[in-house]
Each structure stands twice: as structure tokens, then as C-alpha cells.
PDB file of N, CA and C in Angstrom:
ATOM      1  N   MET A   1     135.301  93.794-153.691  1.00  0.00           N
ATOM      2  CA  MET A   1     134.392  94.055-154.785  1.00  0.00           C
ATOM      3  C   MET A   1     135.185  94.330-156.055  1.00  0.00           C
ATOM      4  N   LYS A   2     134.484  94.239-157.134  1.00  0.00           N
ATOM      5  CA  LYS A   2     135.155  94.466-158.404  1.00  0.00           C
ATOM      6  C   LYS A   2     135.219  95.956-158.720  1.00  0.00           C
ATOM      7  N   LYS A   3     136.138  96.296-159.592  1.00  0.00           N
ATOM      8  CA  LYS A   3     136.388  97.694-159.927  1.00  0.00           C
ATOM      9  C   LYS A   3     135.167  98.387-160.541  1.00  0.00           C
ATOM     10  N   PRO A   4     134.415  97.756-161.460  1.00  0.00           N
ATOM     11  CA  PRO A   4     133.239  98.455-162.024  1.00  0.00           C
ATOM     12  C   PRO A   4     132.187  98.797-160.975  1.00  0.00           C
ATOM     13  N   ILE A   5     132.057  97.956-159.961  1.00  0.00           N
ATOM     14  CA  ILE A   5     131.088  98.243-158.900  1.00  0.00           C
ATOM     15  C   ILE A   5     131.523  99.473-158.114  1.00  0.00           C
ATOM     16  N   HIS A   6     132.826  99.576-157.827  1.00  0.00           N
ATOM     17  CA  HIS A   6     133.336 100.754-157.122  1.00  0.00           C
ATOM     18  C   HIS A   6     133.090 102.018-157.937  1.00  0.00           C
ATOM     19  N   ILE A   7     133.347 101.938-159.216  1.00  0.00           N
ATOM     20  CA  ILE A   7     133.161 103.106-160.078  1.00  0.00           C
ATOM     21  C   ILE A   7     131.689 103.499-160.134  1.00  0.00           C
ATOM     22  N   MET A   8     130.783 102.512-160.223  1.00  0.00           N
ATOM     23  CA  MET A   8     129.355 102.807-160.265  1.00  0.00           C
ATOM     24  C   MET A   8     128.888 103.460-158.969  1.00  0.00           C
ATOM     25  N   VAL A   9     129.351 102.970-157.834  1.00  0.00           N
ATOM     26  CA  VAL A   9     128.952 103.545-156.552  1.00  0.00           C
ATOM     27  C   VAL A   9     129.433 104.991-156.448  1.00  0.00           C
ATOM     28  N   ILE A  10     130.663 105.249-156.839  1.00  0.00           N
ATOM     29  CA  ILE A  10     131.205 106.605-156.765  1.00  0.00           C
ATOM     30  C   ILE A  10     130.450 107.539-157.711  1.00  0.00           C
ATOM     31  N   ILE A  11     130.140 107.081-158.919  1.00  0.00           N
ATOM     32  CA  ILE A  11     129.403 107.916-159.868  1.00  0.00           C
ATOM     33  C   ILE A  11     127.996 108.211-159.366  1.00  0.00           C
ATOM     34  N   ILE A  12     127.326 107.220-158.790  1.00  0.00           N
ATOM     35  CA  ILE A  12     125.983 107.435-158.254  1.00  0.00           C
ATOM     36  C   ILE A  12     126.009 108.445-157.121  1.00  0.00           C
ATOM     37  N   LEU A  13     126.980 108.330-156.230  1.00  0.00           N
ATOM     38  CA  LEU A  13     127.064 109.278-155.117  1.00  0.00           C
ATOM     39  C   LEU A  13     127.405 110.679-155.601  1.00  0.00           C
ATOM     40  N   LEU A  14     128.244 110.789-156.624  1.00  0.00           N
ATOM     41  CA  LEU A  14     128.549 112.114-157.169  1.00  0.00           C
ATOM     42  C   LEU A  14     127.335 112.728-157.862  1.00  0.00           C
ATOM     43  N   LEU A  15     126.554 111.912-158.568  1.00  0.00           N
ATOM     44  CA  LEU A  15     125.334 112.423-159.190  1.00  0.00           C
ATOM     45  C   LEU A  15     124.312 112.856-158.138  1.00  0.00           C
ATOM     46  N   LEU A  16     124.213 112.108-157.055  1.00  0.00           N
ATOM     47  CA  LEU A  16     123.342 112.516-155.960  1.00  0.00           C
ATOM     48  C   LEU A  16     123.800 113.826-155.340  1.00  0.00           C
ATOM     49  N   THR A  17     125.106 114.007-155.254  1.00  0.00           N
ATOM     50  CA  THR A  17     125.642 115.254-154.722  1.00  0.00           C
ATOM     51  C   THR A  17     125.223 116.427-155.594  1.00  0.00           C
ATOM     52  N   ILE A  18     125.361 116.258-156.905  1.00  0.00           N
ATOM     53  CA  ILE A  18     124.980 117.340-157.825  1.00  0.00           C
ATOM     54  C   ILE A  18     123.488 117.628-157.737  1.00  0.00           C
ATOM     55  N   PHE A  19     122.677 116.575-157.678  1.00  0.00           N
ATOM     56  CA  PHE A  19     121.225 116.746-157.625  1.00  0.00           C
ATOM     57  C   PHE A  19     120.781 117.381-156.312  1.00  0.00           C
ATOM     58  N   LEU A  20     121.328 116.893-155.196  1.00  0.00           N
ATOM     59  CA  LEU A  20     120.890 117.391-153.893  1.00  0.00           C
ATOM     60  C   LEU A  20     121.552 118.708-153.498  1.00  0.00           C
ATOM     61  N   TYR A  21     122.613 119.088-154.174  1.00  0.00           N
ATOM     62  CA  TYR A  21     123.284 120.343-153.855  1.00  0.00           C
ATOM     63  C   TYR A  21     122.362 121.530-154.111  1.00  0.00           C
ATOM     64  N   ASN A  22     121.547 121.438-155.150  1.00  0.00           N
ATOM     65  CA  ASN A  22     120.605 122.513-155.456  1.00  0.00           C
ATOM     66  C   ASN A  22     119.498 122.625-154.417  1.00  0.00           C
ATOM     67  N   LYS A  23     119.276 121.561-153.656  1.00  0.00           N
ATOM     68  CA  LYS A  23     118.244 121.559-152.622  1.00  0.00           C
ATOM     69  C   LYS A  23     118.844 121.762-151.227  1.00  0.00           C
ATOM     70  N   GLN A  24     120.085 122.217-151.180  1.00  0.00           N
ATOM     71  CA  GLN A  24     120.811 122.482-149.932  1.00  0.00           C
ATOM     72  C   GLN A  24     121.036 121.219-149.107  1.00  0.00           C
ATOM     73  N   LEU A  25     121.100 120.054-149.768  1.00  0.00           N
ATOM     74  CA  LEU A  25     121.339 118.782-149.084  1.00  0.00           C
ATOM     75  C   LEU A  25     122.567 118.065-149.648  1.00  0.00           C
ATOM     76  N   GLY A  26     123.510 118.793-150.168  1.00  0.00           N
ATOM     77  CA  GLY A  26     124.673 118.208-150.813  1.00  0.00           C
ATOM     78  C   GLY A  26     125.626 117.509-149.869  1.00  0.00           C
ATOM     79  N   SER A  27     125.535 117.801-148.584  1.00  0.00           N
ATOM     80  CA  SER A  27     126.474 117.188-147.637  1.00  0.00           C
ATOM     81  C   SER A  27     126.141 115.720-147.363  1.00  0.00           C
ATOM     82  N   ILE A  28     124.911 115.316-147.580  1.00  0.00           N
ATOM     83  CA  ILE A  28     124.525 113.932-147.288  1.00  0.00           C
ATOM     84  C   ILE A  28     125.269 112.939-148.178  1.00  0.00           C
ATOM     85  N   PRO A  29     125.220 113.055-149.510  1.00  0.00           N
ATOM     86  CA  PRO A  29     125.980 112.104-150.325  1.00  0.00           C
ATOM     87  C   PRO A  29     127.495 112.289-150.205  1.00  0.00           C
ATOM     88  N   LEU A  30     127.964 113.507-149.929  1.00  0.00           N
ATOM     89  CA  LEU A  30     129.399 113.701-149.734  1.00  0.00           C
ATOM     90  C   LEU A  30     129.887 112.973-148.485  1.00  0.00           C
ATOM     91  N   LEU A  31     129.078 112.979-147.453  1.00  0.00           N
ATOM     92  CA  LEU A  31     129.431 112.262-146.236  1.00  0.00           C
ATOM     93  C   LEU A  31     129.444 110.758-146.477  1.00  0.00           C
ATOM     94  N   SER A  32     128.454 110.253-147.197  1.00  0.00           N
ATOM     95  CA  SER A  32     128.431 108.816-147.491  1.00  0.00           C
ATOM     96  C   SER A  32     129.571 108.436-148.434  1.00  0.00           C
ATOM     97  N   LEU A  33     129.940 109.326-149.358  1.00  0.00           N
ATOM     98  CA  LEU A  33     131.077 109.078-150.237  1.00  0.00           C
ATOM     99  C   LEU A  33     132.372 109.015-149.440  1.00  0.00           C
ATOM    100  N   SER A  34     132.523 109.875-148.459  1.00  0.00           N
ATOM    101  CA  SER A  34     133.742 109.843-147.645  1.00  0.00           C
ATOM    102  C   SER A  34     133.811 108.569-146.818  1.00  0.00           C
ATOM    103  N   PHE A  35     132.683 108.100-146.262  1.00  0.00           N
ATOM    104  CA  PHE A  35     132.680 106.831-145.533  1.00  0.00           C
ATOM    105  C   PHE A  35     133.030 105.664-146.452  1.00  0.00           C
ATOM    106  N   TYR A  36     132.486 105.695-147.664  1.00  0.00           N
ATOM    107  CA  TYR A  36     132.752 104.615-148.624  1.00  0.00           C
ATOM    108  C   TYR A  36     134.230 104.568-148.993  1.00  0.00           C
ATOM    109  N   LEU A  37     134.798 105.730-149.298  1.00  0.00           N
ATOM    110  CA  LEU A  37     136.209 105.769-149.669  1.00  0.00           C
ATOM    111  C   LEU A  37     137.114 105.423-148.486  1.00  0.00           C
ATOM    112  N   PHE A  38     136.721 105.802-147.270  1.00  0.00           N
ATOM    113  CA  PHE A  38     137.486 105.447-146.072  1.00  0.00           C
ATOM    114  C   PHE A  38     137.491 103.931-145.876  1.00  0.00           C
ATOM    115  N   ALA A  39     136.331 103.297-146.042  1.00  0.00           N
ATOM    116  CA  ALA A  39     136.248 101.845-145.895  1.00  0.00           C
ATOM    117  C   ALA A  39     137.037 101.142-146.999  1.00  0.00           C
ATOM    118  N   LEU A  40     136.970 101.668-148.206  1.00  0.00           N
ATOM    119  CA  LEU A  40     137.714 101.093-149.320  1.00  0.00           C
ATOM    120  C   LEU A  40     139.219 101.174-149.067  1.00  0.00           C
ATOM    121  N   ALA A  41     139.669 102.294-148.544  1.00  0.00           N
ATOM    122  CA  ALA A  41     141.090 102.444-148.222  1.00  0.00           C
ATOM    123  C   ALA A  41     141.496 101.483-147.102  1.00  0.00           C
ATOM    124  N   GLY A  42     140.631 101.278-146.130  1.00  0.00           N
ATOM    125  CA  GLY A  42     140.927 100.332-145.054  1.00  0.00           C
ATOM    126  C   GLY A  42     141.074  98.916-145.566  1.00  0.00           C
ATOM    127  N   VAL A  43     140.225  98.528-146.486  1.00  0.00           N
ATOM    128  CA  VAL A  43     140.324  97.186-147.072  1.00  0.00           C
ATOM    129  C   VAL A  43     141.619  97.040-147.855  1.00  0.00           C
ATOM    130  N   LYS A  44     141.962  98.059-148.636  1.00  0.00           N
ATOM    131  CA  LYS A  44     143.197  97.998-149.432  1.00  0.00           C
ATOM    132  C   LYS A  44     144.428  97.943-148.532  1.00  0.00           C
ATOM    133  N   ILE A  45     144.432  98.701-147.439  1.00  0.00           N
ATOM    134  CA  ILE A  45     145.577  98.687-146.527  1.00  0.00           C
ATOM    135  C   ILE A  45     145.709  97.335-145.844  1.00  0.00           C
ATOM    136  N   SER A  46     144.588  96.745-145.433  1.00  0.00           N
ATOM    137  CA  SER A  46     144.666  95.442-144.772  1.00  0.00           C
ATOM    138  C   SER A  46     145.141  94.360-145.743  1.00  0.00           C
ATOM    139  N   LEU A  47     144.738  94.434-147.015  1.00  0.00           N
ATOM    140  CA  LEU A  47     145.227  93.474-148.003  1.00  0.00           C
ATOM    141  C   LEU A  47     146.720  93.675-148.254  1.00  0.00           C
ATOM    142  N   PHE A  48     147.174  94.927-148.253  1.00  0.00           N
ATOM    143  CA  PHE A  48     148.578  95.232-148.457  1.00  0.00           C
ATOM    144  C   PHE A  48     149.414  94.674-147.300  1.00  0.00           C
ATOM    145  N   LYS A  49     148.897  94.808-146.071  1.00  0.00           N
ATOM    146  CA  LYS A  49     149.642  94.318-144.907  1.00  0.00           C
ATOM    147  C   LYS A  49     149.685  92.780-144.894  1.00  0.00           C
ATOM    148  N   LYS A  50     148.623  92.117-145.351  1.00  0.00           N
ATOM    149  CA  LYS A  50     148.615  90.658-145.400  1.00  0.00           C
ATOM    150  C   LYS A  50     149.594  90.125-146.402  1.00  0.00           C
ATOM    151  N   ASN A  51     149.751  90.798-147.532  1.00  0.00           N
ATOM    152  CA  ASN A  51     150.663  90.341-148.574  1.00  0.00           C
ATOM    153  C   ASN A  51     152.117  90.649-148.264  1.00  0.00           C
ATOM    154  N   LYS A  52     152.360  91.524-147.329  1.00  0.00           N
ATOM    155  CA  LYS A  52     153.719  91.925-147.004  1.00  0.00           C
ATOM    156  C   LYS A  52     154.420  90.953-146.146  1.00  0.00           C
TER     157      LYS A  52
END
């Protein structure tokens, strides 16, 4: 994916965290953010290994 899409997804999840934190549901977007960043890191590592 392109960089602006990654930034938009991260900003949306952070805004959801702020909004839902007041309703005691802040862990839901934080968990989805961690899965997203984990998958993004996996893609970057696999691309790094292919180019090596």
C-alpha cells in the first residue's frame, strides 16, 4: 500500500482510541492498531529478505 493510506489508517485508529477511551473501550482500536502494525512490519521484513 502507499504511504498516505498507512498514515490515514493509523490516524483513524488513533482517533478511535481517543474517542472510545472515554467510554472504557480504548483497548479495541489499540488492539487493531497493533495487528495492523504487526502485519505492516511482516510485509516490510519479507520485502527486505527478497531484495537481499
